[in-house]
Amino acid sequence: MEHNQSTAIPQEAFDWYDEYAHGGMDRRTFLRKLGSLTAVGLSMSVLTSALLPNYAIAQQVSFNDPDIIATYETFDSPLGYGTGQGYLVAPKSIVKKTPTILVIHENRGLNPYIKDVARRLAKKGFIAFAPDALYSLGGYPGNDDQGRSMQRSLDRSKIQNDFVAAAKYLNDHPLSNGKLGAVGFCFGGYIVNYLAAIDSSLIDAGVPFYGTPAAKELRKNIKAPLMVQLGELDKRVNKSWPEYEADLKNFDVPYTMHLYKNAKHGFHNDSTARYDKENAELAWERTLKFFSEKLS
């Protein structure tokens, strides 16, 4: 699935959306700025349909796929919101202990795109678990704007503790081979960096997609190999990379960083016009190979 209309939309519109989506601009200002582009022949309907997600056309692996089994599972999170819940997807036929991967959503809860990512991993033989940070509020509400507001209302440290608890829950899965990976997107990319830094033994490999680093004082704890995925046009996140890379080098953390040419923040998310099919597929191919090497 490609969003061809993205080529006609100026980069500044994507920058405005990124600022809006991360709390730097209110909705009224965002829509007013988008309205300024109608003077160059872009209708508001074209702009909003390109920038806002359409999950109905973004599914790569059906929840009815015969090769996987998907269930919702709860876990204890005493330092978080008490109890968490996530979407657990496993290959239907598991003949040996299997690597597990925590899949971490953006700043809006467990939306359909992230659930699809979990199913993609299960199709490749991993056990994947995608927690919903919004579970204590009733779960992802069905639209990203409301989900974003809900997640913003929660205590950040408790959310982080929920994901730590989810990692421990998944690592204890009876079919786990004892190796745990984590992949996350945007806020989820930050959480991957955080999980690697808060406890050296928590994860065995991490792939943060366009996520900011953990707090500087925590980075000395990082031991897990990291594959950092960044989009060239993602100025907000990329400005944090040089300092982060310096610390990774200083603490001898094994890492690779891939910077994807002309890719926007969110380029892996195939539900919006930010999606870059060629770069997303390359980044995903690299992610699967990395997990196969580090978690087997």
C-alpha atoms as a PDB file:
ATOM      1  CA  MET A   1       0.000   0.000   0.000  1.00  0.00           C
ATOM      2  CA  GLU A   2       1.398   3.380  -0.995  1.00  0.00           C
ATOM      3  CA  HIS A   3       0.153   6.915  -0.457  1.00  0.00           C
ATOM      4  CA  ASN A   4       1.043   8.583  -3.715  1.00  0.00           C
ATOM      5  CA  GLN A   5      -0.495  11.894  -2.708  1.00  0.00           C
ATOM      6  CA  SER A   6       2.375  12.376  -0.238  1.00  0.00           C
ATOM      7  CA  THR A   7       4.648  13.535  -3.050  1.00  0.00           C
ATOM      8  CA  ALA A   8       2.433  16.590  -3.609  1.00  0.00           C
ATOM      9  CA  ILE A   9       2.279  17.570   0.052  1.00  0.00           C
ATOM     10  CA  PRO A  10       5.098  19.840   1.233  1.00  0.00           C
ATOM     11  CA  GLN A  11       7.395  18.581   3.969  1.00  0.00           C
ATOM     12  CA  GLU A  12       6.285  21.421   6.250  1.00  0.00           C
ATOM     13  CA  ALA A  13       2.838  19.795   6.530  1.00  0.00           C
ATOM     14  CA  PHE A  14       4.442  16.603   7.849  1.00  0.00           C
ATOM     15  CA  ASP A  15       6.537  18.680  10.249  1.00  0.00           C
ATOM     16  CA  TRP A  16       3.375  20.382  11.533  1.00  0.00           C
ATOM     17  CA  TYR A  17       1.697  17.013  12.006  1.00  0.00           C
ATOM     18  CA  ASP A  18       4.718  15.713  13.901  1.00  0.00           C
ATOM     19  CA  GLU A  19       4.657  18.766  16.163  1.00  0.00           C
ATOM     20  CA  TYR A  20       0.905  18.391  16.696  1.00  0.00           C
ATOM     21  CA  ALA A  21       1.156  14.652  17.337  1.00  0.00           C
ATOM     22  CA  HIS A  22       3.822  15.175  20.007  1.00  0.00           C
ATOM     23  CA  GLY A  23       2.126  17.946  21.940  1.00  0.00           C
ATOM     24  CA  GLY A  24       3.972  20.918  20.485  1.00  0.00           C
ATOM     25  CA  MET A  25       0.935  22.365  18.699  1.00  0.00           C
ATOM     26  CA  ASP A  26      -2.800  22.323  19.456  1.00  0.00           C
ATOM     27  CA  ARG A  27      -5.328  20.947  16.980  1.00  0.00           C
ATOM     28  CA  ARG A  28      -6.733  24.367  16.078  1.00  0.00           C
ATOM     29  CA  THR A  29      -3.276  25.701  15.162  1.00  0.00           C
ATOM     30  CA  PHE A  30      -2.471  22.534  13.228  1.00  0.00           C
ATOM     31  CA  LEU A  31      -5.666  22.795  11.146  1.00  0.00           C
ATOM     32  CA  ARG A  32      -5.146  26.549  10.597  1.00  0.00           C
ATOM     33  CA  LYS A  33      -1.633  25.889   9.267  1.00  0.00           C
ATOM     34  CA  LEU A  34      -2.940  23.111   7.014  1.00  0.00           C
ATOM     35  CA  GLY A  35      -5.586  25.525   5.767  1.00  0.00           C
ATOM     36  CA  SER A  36      -2.848  27.842   4.534  1.00  0.00           C
ATOM     37  CA  LEU A  37      -1.878  25.160   2.005  1.00  0.00           C
ATOM     38  CA  THR A  38      -5.265  25.202   0.311  1.00  0.00           C
ATOM     39  CA  ALA A  39      -4.058  28.322  -1.497  1.00  0.00           C
ATOM     40  CA  VAL A  40      -1.675  26.129  -3.498  1.00  0.00           C
ATOM     41  CA  GLY A  41      -4.434  23.794  -4.606  1.00  0.00           C
ATOM     42  CA  LEU A  42      -4.423  21.182  -1.855  1.00  0.00           C
ATOM     43  CA  SER A  43      -7.840  20.522  -0.341  1.00  0.00           C
ATOM     44  CA  MET A  44      -8.252  19.951   3.393  1.00  0.00           C
ATOM     45  CA  SER A  45      -9.715  16.515   2.694  1.00  0.00           C
ATOM     46  CA  VAL A  46      -6.617  15.507   0.719  1.00  0.00           C
ATOM     47  CA  LEU A  47      -4.323  16.889   3.435  1.00  0.00           C
ATOM     48  CA  THR A  48      -6.088  15.288   6.390  1.00  0.00           C
ATOM     49  CA  SER A  49      -6.570  11.929   4.662  1.00  0.00           C
ATOM     50  CA  ALA A  50      -2.855  11.859   3.870  1.00  0.00           C
ATOM     51  CA  LEU A  51      -1.641  12.881   7.327  1.00  0.00           C
ATOM     52  CA  LEU A  52      -4.114  11.049   9.560  1.00  0.00           C
ATOM     53  CA  PRO A  53      -4.013   7.233   9.720  1.00  0.00           C
ATOM     54  CA  ASN A  54      -6.316   4.938   7.790  1.00  0.00           C
ATOM     55  CA  TYR A  55      -5.894   1.564   9.468  1.00  0.00           C
ATOM     56  CA  ALA A  56      -8.415  -0.209   7.260  1.00  0.00           C
ATOM     57  CA  ILE A  57      -5.964  -0.247   4.335  1.00  0.00           C
ATOM     58  CA  ALA A  58      -2.802  -0.952   6.307  1.00  0.00           C
ATOM     59  CA  GLN A  59      -3.173  -4.571   7.384  1.00  0.00           C
ATOM     60  CA  GLN A  60      -0.423  -6.898   6.156  1.00  0.00           C
ATOM     61  CA  VAL A  61      -1.280  -9.996   8.236  1.00  0.00           C
ATOM     62  CA  SER A  62      -4.912 -10.817   9.000  1.00  0.00           C
ATOM     63  CA  PHE A  63      -5.937 -11.571  12.582  1.00  0.00           C
ATOM     64  CA  ASN A  64      -7.521 -14.684  11.027  1.00  0.00           C
ATOM     65  CA  ASP A  65      -4.242 -15.846   9.506  1.00  0.00           C
ATOM     66  CA  PRO A  66      -4.069 -19.642   9.948  1.00  0.00           C
ATOM     67  CA  ASP A  67      -0.368 -19.598  10.864  1.00  0.00           C
ATOM     68  CA  ILE A  68      -0.783 -17.589  14.079  1.00  0.00           C
ATOM     69  CA  ILE A  69      -2.707 -17.584  17.346  1.00  0.00           C
ATOM     70  CA  ALA A  70      -3.583 -14.206  18.874  1.00  0.00           C
ATOM     71  CA  THR A  71      -4.975 -13.606  22.355  1.00  0.00           C
ATOM     72  CA  TYR A  72      -5.193 -10.785  24.909  1.00  0.00           C
ATOM     73  CA  GLU A  73      -3.223 -11.468  28.072  1.00  0.00           C
ATOM     74  CA  THR A  74      -2.910  -9.549  31.346  1.00  0.00           C
ATOM     75  CA  PHE A  75       0.183  -9.191  33.517  1.00  0.00           C
ATOM     76  CA  ASP A  76       0.987  -7.827  36.964  1.00  0.00           C
ATOM     77  CA  SER A  77       2.581  -4.378  37.130  1.00  0.00           C
ATOM     78  CA  PRO A  78       2.910  -3.439  40.806  1.00  0.00           C
ATOM     79  CA  LEU A  79       5.066  -0.367  40.115  1.00  0.00           C
ATOM     80  CA  GLY A  80       2.917   0.734  37.171  1.00  0.00           C
ATOM     81  CA  TYR A  81      -0.867   0.781  36.941  1.00  0.00           C
ATOM     82  CA  GLY A  82      -1.300  -2.506  38.824  1.00  0.00           C
ATOM     83  CA  THR A  83      -2.385  -4.663  35.924  1.00  0.00           C
ATOM     84  CA  GLY A  84      -1.440  -4.404  32.269  1.00  0.00           C
ATOM     85  CA  GLN A  85      -2.817  -6.037  29.161  1.00  0.00           C
ATOM     86  CA  GLY A  86      -1.328  -6.793  25.777  1.00  0.00           C
ATOM     87  CA  TYR A  87      -1.889  -8.528  22.471  1.00  0.00           C
ATOM     88  CA  LEU A  88       0.042 -11.817  22.401  1.00  0.00           C
ATOM     89  CA  VAL A  89       0.665 -13.416  19.013  1.00  0.00           C
ATOM     90  CA  ALA A  90       2.467 -16.721  18.554  1.00  0.00           C
ATOM     91  CA  PRO A  91       3.123 -19.056  15.648  1.00  0.00           C
ATOM     92  CA  LYS A  92       0.466 -21.780  15.609  1.00  0.00           C
ATOM     93  CA  SER A  93       3.050 -24.557  15.460  1.00  0.00           C
ATOM     94  CA  ILE A  94       5.912 -24.150  17.921  1.00  0.00           C
ATOM     95  CA  VAL A  95       8.189 -27.170  18.086  1.00  0.00           C
ATOM     96  CA  LYS A  96      10.963 -25.680  20.211  1.00  0.00           C
ATOM     97  CA  LYS A  97      11.655 -22.819  22.580  1.00  0.00           C
ATOM     98  CA  THR A  98      11.245 -19.556  20.686  1.00  0.00           C
ATOM     99  CA  PRO A  99      12.612 -15.987  20.905  1.00  0.00           C
ATOM    100  CA  THR A 100      10.168 -13.398  22.208  1.00  0.00           C
ATOM    101  CA  ILE A 101       9.766  -9.785  21.096  1.00  0.00           C
ATOM    102  CA  LEU A 102       8.052  -6.921  22.883  1.00  0.00           C
ATOM    103  CA  VAL A 103       6.312  -4.581  20.423  1.00  0.00           C
ATOM    104  CA  ILE A 104       5.836  -1.040  21.720  1.00  0.00           C
ATOM    105  CA  HIS A 105       3.319   1.400  20.302  1.00  0.00           C
ATOM    106  CA  GLU A 106       3.524   5.125  19.610  1.00  0.00           C
ATOM    107  CA  ASN A 107       2.124   7.810  21.928  1.00  0.00           C
ATOM    108  CA  ARG A 108      -1.503   6.852  21.335  1.00  0.00           C
ATOM    109  CA  GLY A 109      -2.066   3.318  22.613  1.00  0.00           C
ATOM    110  CA  LEU A 110      -2.286  -0.076  20.948  1.00  0.00           C
ATOM    111  CA  ASN A 111      -3.643   0.832  17.541  1.00  0.00           C
ATOM    112  CA  PRO A 112      -4.267  -1.589  14.634  1.00  0.00           C
ATOM    113  CA  TYR A 113      -0.908  -0.878  12.990  1.00  0.00           C
ATOM    114  CA  ILE A 114       1.047  -2.026  16.054  1.00  0.00           C
ATOM    115  CA  LYS A 115      -1.098  -5.147  16.388  1.00  0.00           C
ATOM    116  CA  ASP A 116      -0.311  -5.896  12.740  1.00  0.00           C
ATOM    117  CA  VAL A 117       3.422  -5.515  13.461  1.00  0.00           C
ATOM    118  CA  ALA A 118       3.047  -8.124  16.220  1.00  0.00           C
ATOM    119  CA  ARG A 119       1.339 -10.484  13.768  1.00  0.00           C
ATOM    120  CA  ARG A 120       4.110  -9.936  11.205  1.00  0.00           C
ATOM    121  CA  LEU A 121       6.662 -11.055  13.804  1.00  0.00           C
ATOM    122  CA  ALA A 122       4.634 -14.157  14.693  1.00  0.00           C
ATOM    123  CA  LYS A 123       4.450 -15.045  10.990  1.00  0.00           C
ATOM    124  CA  LYS A 124       8.265 -15.044  11.035  1.00  0.00           C
ATOM    125  CA  GLY A 125       8.415 -17.454  13.966  1.00  0.00           C
ATOM    126  CA  PHE A 126       8.705 -15.125  16.981  1.00  0.00           C
ATOM    127  CA  ILE A 127       6.375 -14.849  19.961  1.00  0.00           C
ATOM    128  CA  ALA A 128       5.304 -11.197  20.000  1.00  0.00           C
ATOM    129  CA  PHE A 129       3.594  -9.228  22.760  1.00  0.00           C
ATOM    130  CA  ALA A 130       2.216  -5.714  22.264  1.00  0.00           C
ATOM    131  CA  PRO A 131       1.067  -4.092  25.536  1.00  0.00           C
ATOM    132  CA  ASP A 132      -1.459  -1.254  25.622  1.00  0.00           C
ATOM    133  CA  ALA A 133      -0.374   1.651  27.850  1.00  0.00           C
ATOM    134  CA  LEU A 134      -4.023   2.772  27.893  1.00  0.00           C
ATOM    135  CA  TYR A 135      -5.354  -0.425  29.499  1.00  0.00           C
ATOM    136  CA  SER A 136      -5.935   1.301  32.851  1.00  0.00           C
ATOM    137  CA  LEU A 137      -8.215   3.779  31.044  1.00  0.00           C
ATOM    138  CA  GLY A 138     -10.135   1.128  29.123  1.00  0.00           C
ATOM    139  CA  GLY A 139      -7.654   0.587  26.293  1.00  0.00           C
ATOM    140  CA  TYR A 140      -7.032   2.160  22.894  1.00  0.00           C
ATOM    141  CA  PRO A 141     -10.255   4.076  22.134  1.00  0.00           C
ATOM    142  CA  GLY A 142     -10.423   3.489  18.388  1.00  0.00           C
ATOM    143  CA  ASN A 143      -8.957   6.772  17.182  1.00  0.00           C
ATOM    144  CA  ASP A 144      -5.502   8.232  17.546  1.00  0.00           C
ATOM    145  CA  ASP A 145      -6.456  11.746  18.648  1.00  0.00           C
ATOM    146  CA  GLN A 146      -8.350  10.471  21.671  1.00  0.00           C
ATOM    147  CA  GLY A 147      -5.681   7.851  22.342  1.00  0.00           C
ATOM    148  CA  ARG A 148      -2.992  10.527  22.316  1.00  0.00           C
ATOM    149  CA  SER A 149      -4.921  12.631  24.838  1.00  0.00           C
ATOM    150  CA  MET A 150      -5.470   9.600  27.054  1.00  0.00           C
ATOM    151  CA  GLN A 151      -1.807   8.617  27.026  1.00  0.00           C
ATOM    152  CA  ARG A 152      -0.766  12.198  27.786  1.00  0.00           C
ATOM    153  CA  SER A 153      -2.988  12.097  30.887  1.00  0.00           C
ATOM    154  CA  LEU A 154      -1.129   9.135  32.365  1.00  0.00           C
ATOM    155  CA  ASP A 155       1.911   9.198  34.653  1.00  0.00           C
ATOM    156  CA  ARG A 156       4.986   8.703  32.441  1.00  0.00           C
ATOM    157  CA  SER A 157       6.944   6.790  35.082  1.00  0.00           C
ATOM    158  CA  LYS A 158       4.046   4.375  35.626  1.00  0.00           C
ATOM    159  CA  ILE A 159       3.764   3.774  31.882  1.00  0.00           C
ATOM    160  CA  GLN A 160       7.488   3.004  31.794  1.00  0.00           C
ATOM    161  CA  ASN A 161       7.088   0.583  34.704  1.00  0.00           C
ATOM    162  CA  ASP A 162       4.212  -1.122  32.878  1.00  0.00           C
ATOM    163  CA  PHE A 163       6.525  -1.828  29.943  1.00  0.00           C
ATOM    164  CA  VAL A 164       9.253  -3.106  32.273  1.00  0.00           C
ATOM    165  CA  ALA A 165       6.658  -5.457  33.784  1.00  0.00           C
ATOM    166  CA  ALA A 166       5.527  -6.510  30.301  1.00  0.00           C
ATOM    167  CA  ALA A 167       9.120  -7.344  29.356  1.00  0.00           C
ATOM    168  CA  LYS A 168       9.476  -9.524  32.449  1.00  0.00           C
ATOM    169  CA  TYR A 169       6.127 -11.192  31.762  1.00  0.00           C
ATOM    170  CA  LEU A 170       7.147 -12.024  28.199  1.00  0.00           C
ATOM    171  CA  ASN A 171      10.587 -13.255  29.227  1.00  0.00           C
ATOM    172  CA  ASP A 172       8.853 -15.739  31.549  1.00  0.00           C
ATOM    173  CA  HIS A 173       6.631 -17.127  28.793  1.00  0.00           C
ATOM    174  CA  PRO A 174       6.760 -20.948  29.017  1.00  0.00           C
ATOM    175  CA  LEU A 175       7.715 -21.252  25.339  1.00  0.00           C
ATOM    176  CA  SER A 176      10.441 -18.558  25.486  1.00  0.00           C
ATOM    177  CA  ASN A 177      14.028 -19.565  24.720  1.00  0.00           C
ATOM    178  CA  GLY A 178      15.124 -17.011  27.326  1.00  0.00           C
ATOM    179  CA  LYS A 179      15.983 -14.330  24.768  1.00  0.00           C
ATOM    180  CA  LEU A 180      13.927 -11.127  24.606  1.00  0.00           C
ATOM    181  CA  GLY A 181      13.980  -8.455  21.926  1.00  0.00           C
ATOM    182  CA  ALA A 182      12.134  -5.145  21.849  1.00  0.00           C
ATOM    183  CA  VAL A 183      11.002  -3.072  18.885  1.00  0.00           C
ATOM    184  CA  GLY A 184       9.163   0.223  19.177  1.00  0.00           C
ATOM    185  CA  PHE A 185       8.088   3.202  17.146  1.00  0.00           C
ATOM    186  CA  CYS A 186       8.273   6.880  18.110  1.00  0.00           C
ATOM    187  CA  PHE A 187       7.346   6.841  21.839  1.00  0.00           C
ATOM    188  CA  GLY A 188       7.858   3.084  21.579  1.00  0.00           C
ATOM    189  CA  GLY A 189      11.348   3.695  20.218  1.00  0.00           C
ATOM    190  CA  TYR A 190      12.068   5.750  23.328  1.00  0.00           C
ATOM    191  CA  ILE A 191      10.760   2.893  25.487  1.00  0.00           C
ATOM    192  CA  VAL A 192      13.108   0.433  23.742  1.00  0.00           C
ATOM    193  CA  ASN A 193      16.010   2.740  24.608  1.00  0.00           C
ATOM    194  CA  TYR A 194      14.655   3.053  28.162  1.00  0.00           C
ATOM    195  CA  LEU A 195      14.296  -0.718  28.677  1.00  0.00           C
ATOM    196  CA  ALA A 196      17.889  -1.230  27.535  1.00  0.00           C
ATOM    197  CA  ALA A 197      19.080   1.447  29.968  1.00  0.00           C
ATOM    198  CA  ILE A 198      16.977   0.881  33.085  1.00  0.00           C
ATOM    199  CA  ASP A 199      18.154  -2.718  33.568  1.00  0.00           C
ATOM    200  CA  SER A 200      21.156  -4.204  31.767  1.00  0.00           C
ATOM    201  CA  SER A 201      19.664  -7.699  31.872  1.00  0.00           C
ATOM    202  CA  LEU A 202      16.113  -6.851  30.784  1.00  0.00           C
ATOM    203  CA  ILE A 203      16.361  -7.169  26.994  1.00  0.00           C
ATOM    204  CA  ASP A 204      18.824  -8.970  24.738  1.00  0.00           C
ATOM    205  CA  ALA A 205      18.405  -6.783  21.634  1.00  0.00           C
ATOM    206  CA  GLY A 206      16.570  -3.567  20.819  1.00  0.00           C
ATOM    207  CA  VAL A 207      15.374  -1.877  17.647  1.00  0.00           C
ATOM    208  CA  PRO A 208      14.159   1.679  18.302  1.00  0.00           C
ATOM    209  CA  PHE A 209      12.475   3.255  15.293  1.00  0.00           C
ATOM    210  CA  TYR A 210      12.822   7.063  15.471  1.00  0.00           C
ATOM    211  CA  GLY A 211      12.867   7.104  19.269  1.00  0.00           C
ATOM    212  CA  THR A 212      14.647   9.512  21.575  1.00  0.00           C
ATOM    213  CA  PRO A 213      17.271   8.166  24.025  1.00  0.00           C
ATOM    214  CA  ALA A 214      16.833   7.284  27.668  1.00  0.00           C
ATOM    215  CA  ALA A 215      17.923   9.797  30.309  1.00  0.00           C
ATOM    216  CA  LYS A 216      21.659  10.453  30.141  1.00  0.00           C
ATOM    217  CA  GLU A 217      22.375   9.112  33.635  1.00  0.00           C
ATOM    218  CA  LEU A 218      20.893   5.705  32.701  1.00  0.00           C
ATOM    219  CA  ARG A 219      22.854   5.093  29.518  1.00  0.00           C
ATOM    220  CA  LYS A 220      25.887   3.608  31.268  1.00  0.00           C
ATOM    221  CA  ASN A 221      23.721   0.544  32.013  1.00  0.00           C
ATOM    222  CA  ILE A 222      23.092  -0.351  28.359  1.00  0.00           C
ATOM    223  CA  LYS A 223      24.516  -3.733  27.386  1.00  0.00           C
ATOM    224  CA  ALA A 224      22.032  -5.025  24.792  1.00  0.00           C
ATOM    225  CA  PRO A 225      22.959  -4.550  21.127  1.00  0.00           C
ATOM    226  CA  LEU A 226      20.866  -1.865  19.446  1.00  0.00           C
ATOM    227  CA  MET A 227      19.820  -1.243  15.863  1.00  0.00           C
ATOM    228  CA  VAL A 228      18.745   2.396  15.628  1.00  0.00           C
ATOM    229  CA  GLN A 229      16.403   3.244  12.716  1.00  0.00           C
ATOM    230  CA  LEU A 230      16.088   6.934  11.769  1.00  0.00           C
ATOM    231  CA  GLY A 231      14.417   8.863   8.948  1.00  0.00           C
ATOM    232  CA  GLU A 232      16.550  11.525   7.288  1.00  0.00           C
ATOM    233  CA  LEU A 233      13.800  14.190   7.464  1.00  0.00           C
ATOM    234  CA  ASP A 234      12.987  13.591  11.138  1.00  0.00           C
ATOM    235  CA  LYS A 235      14.731  16.657  12.554  1.00  0.00           C
ATOM    236  CA  ARG A 236      13.100  16.475  15.996  1.00  0.00           C
ATOM    237  CA  VAL A 237      14.395  12.991  16.849  1.00  0.00           C
ATOM    238  CA  ASN A 238      17.623  13.163  14.853  1.00  0.00           C
ATOM    239  CA  LYS A 239      18.977  16.107  16.811  1.00  0.00           C
ATOM    240  CA  SER A 240      19.216  13.805  19.857  1.00  0.00           C
ATOM    241  CA  TRP A 241      21.319  11.219  18.004  1.00  0.00           C
ATOM    242  CA  PRO A 242      24.864  12.685  18.066  1.00  0.00           C
ATOM    243  CA  GLU A 243      24.948  12.907  21.866  1.00  0.00           C
ATOM    244  CA  TYR A 244      23.336   9.465  22.211  1.00  0.00           C
ATOM    245  CA  GLU A 245      25.830   7.934  19.792  1.00  0.00           C
ATOM    246  CA  ALA A 246      28.711   9.466  21.735  1.00  0.00           C
ATOM    247  CA  ASP A 247      27.457   7.785  24.916  1.00  0.00           C
ATOM    248  CA  LEU A 248      26.929   4.436  23.167  1.00  0.00           C
ATOM    249  CA  LYS A 249      30.531   4.583  21.954  1.00  0.00           C
ATOM    250  CA  ASN A 250      31.791   5.712  25.357  1.00  0.00           C
ATOM    251  CA  PHE A 251      30.084   2.785  27.096  1.00  0.00           C
ATOM    252  CA  ASP A 252      31.086   0.228  24.420  1.00  0.00           C
ATOM    253  CA  VAL A 253      27.490  -0.570  23.489  1.00  0.00           C
ATOM    254  CA  PRO A 254      27.275  -2.653  20.303  1.00  0.00           C
ATOM    255  CA  TYR A 255      25.061  -0.651  17.949  1.00  0.00           C
ATOM    256  CA  THR A 256      24.324   0.111  14.328  1.00  0.00           C
ATOM    257  CA  MET A 257      22.406   3.121  13.047  1.00  0.00           C
ATOM    258  CA  HIS A 258      20.610   3.299   9.720  1.00  0.00           C
ATOM    259  CA  LEU A 259      19.544   6.692   8.367  1.00  0.00           C
ATOM    260  CA  TYR A 260      16.931   6.267   5.631  1.00  0.00           C
ATOM    261  CA  LYS A 261      17.209   8.781   2.813  1.00  0.00           C
ATOM    262  CA  ASN A 262      14.244  11.147   2.401  1.00  0.00           C
ATOM    263  CA  ALA A 263      12.292   9.205   5.043  1.00  0.00           C
ATOM    264  CA  LYS A 264       9.973  11.025   7.425  1.00  0.00           C
ATOM    265  CA  HIS A 265       9.250  10.407  11.096  1.00  0.00           C
ATOM    266  CA  GLY A 266       6.884   7.433  11.108  1.00  0.00           C
ATOM    267  CA  PHE A 267       8.100   6.099   7.759  1.00  0.00           C
ATOM    268  CA  HIS A 268       7.426   2.489   8.801  1.00  0.00           C
ATOM    269  CA  ASN A 269       3.753   3.155   9.592  1.00  0.00           C
ATOM    270  CA  ASP A 270       1.842   2.053   6.503  1.00  0.00           C
ATOM    271  CA  SER A 271      -1.428   3.701   7.539  1.00  0.00           C
ATOM    272  CA  THR A 272      -0.433   7.279   6.608  1.00  0.00           C
ATOM    273  CA  ALA A 273       1.285   9.192   3.811  1.00  0.00           C
ATOM    274  CA  ARG A 274       4.466   9.280   5.886  1.00  0.00           C
ATOM    275  CA  TYR A 275       4.897   5.627   4.882  1.00  0.00           C
ATOM    276  CA  ASP A 276       7.914   4.991   2.670  1.00  0.00           C
ATOM    277  CA  LYS A 277       7.480   1.513   1.241  1.00  0.00           C
ATOM    278  CA  GLU A 278      11.039   0.964   0.041  1.00  0.00           C
ATOM    279  CA  ASN A 279      12.688   2.246   3.214  1.00  0.00           C
ATOM    280  CA  ALA A 280      10.137   0.569   5.490  1.00  0.00           C
ATOM    281  CA  GLU A 281      10.689  -2.823   3.872  1.00  0.00           C
ATOM    282  CA  LEU A 282      14.468  -2.446   4.064  1.00  0.00           C
ATOM    283  CA  ALA A 283      14.284  -1.383   7.728  1.00  0.00           C
ATOM    284  CA  TRP A 284      12.002  -4.317   8.522  1.00  0.00           C
ATOM    285  CA  GLU A 285      14.230  -6.802   6.693  1.00  0.00           C
ATOM    286  CA  ARG A 286      17.175  -5.529   8.742  1.00  0.00           C
ATOM    287  CA  THR A 287      15.113  -5.748  11.948  1.00  0.00           C
ATOM    288  CA  LEU A 288      14.166  -9.385  11.347  1.00  0.00           C
ATOM    289  CA  LYS A 289      17.745 -10.352  10.510  1.00  0.00           C
ATOM    290  CA  PHE A 290      19.034  -8.536  13.624  1.00  0.00           C
ATOM    291  CA  PHE A 291      16.576 -10.337  15.907  1.00  0.00           C
ATOM    292  CA  SER A 292      17.300 -13.680  14.278  1.00  0.00           C
ATOM    293  CA  GLU A 293      21.022 -13.206  14.926  1.00  0.00           C
ATOM    294  CA  LYS A 294      20.798 -11.796  18.456  1.00  0.00           C
ATOM    295  CA  LEU A 295      17.955 -13.901  19.902  1.00  0.00           C
ATOM    296  CA  SER A 296      18.597 -17.413  18.608  1.00  0.00           C
END
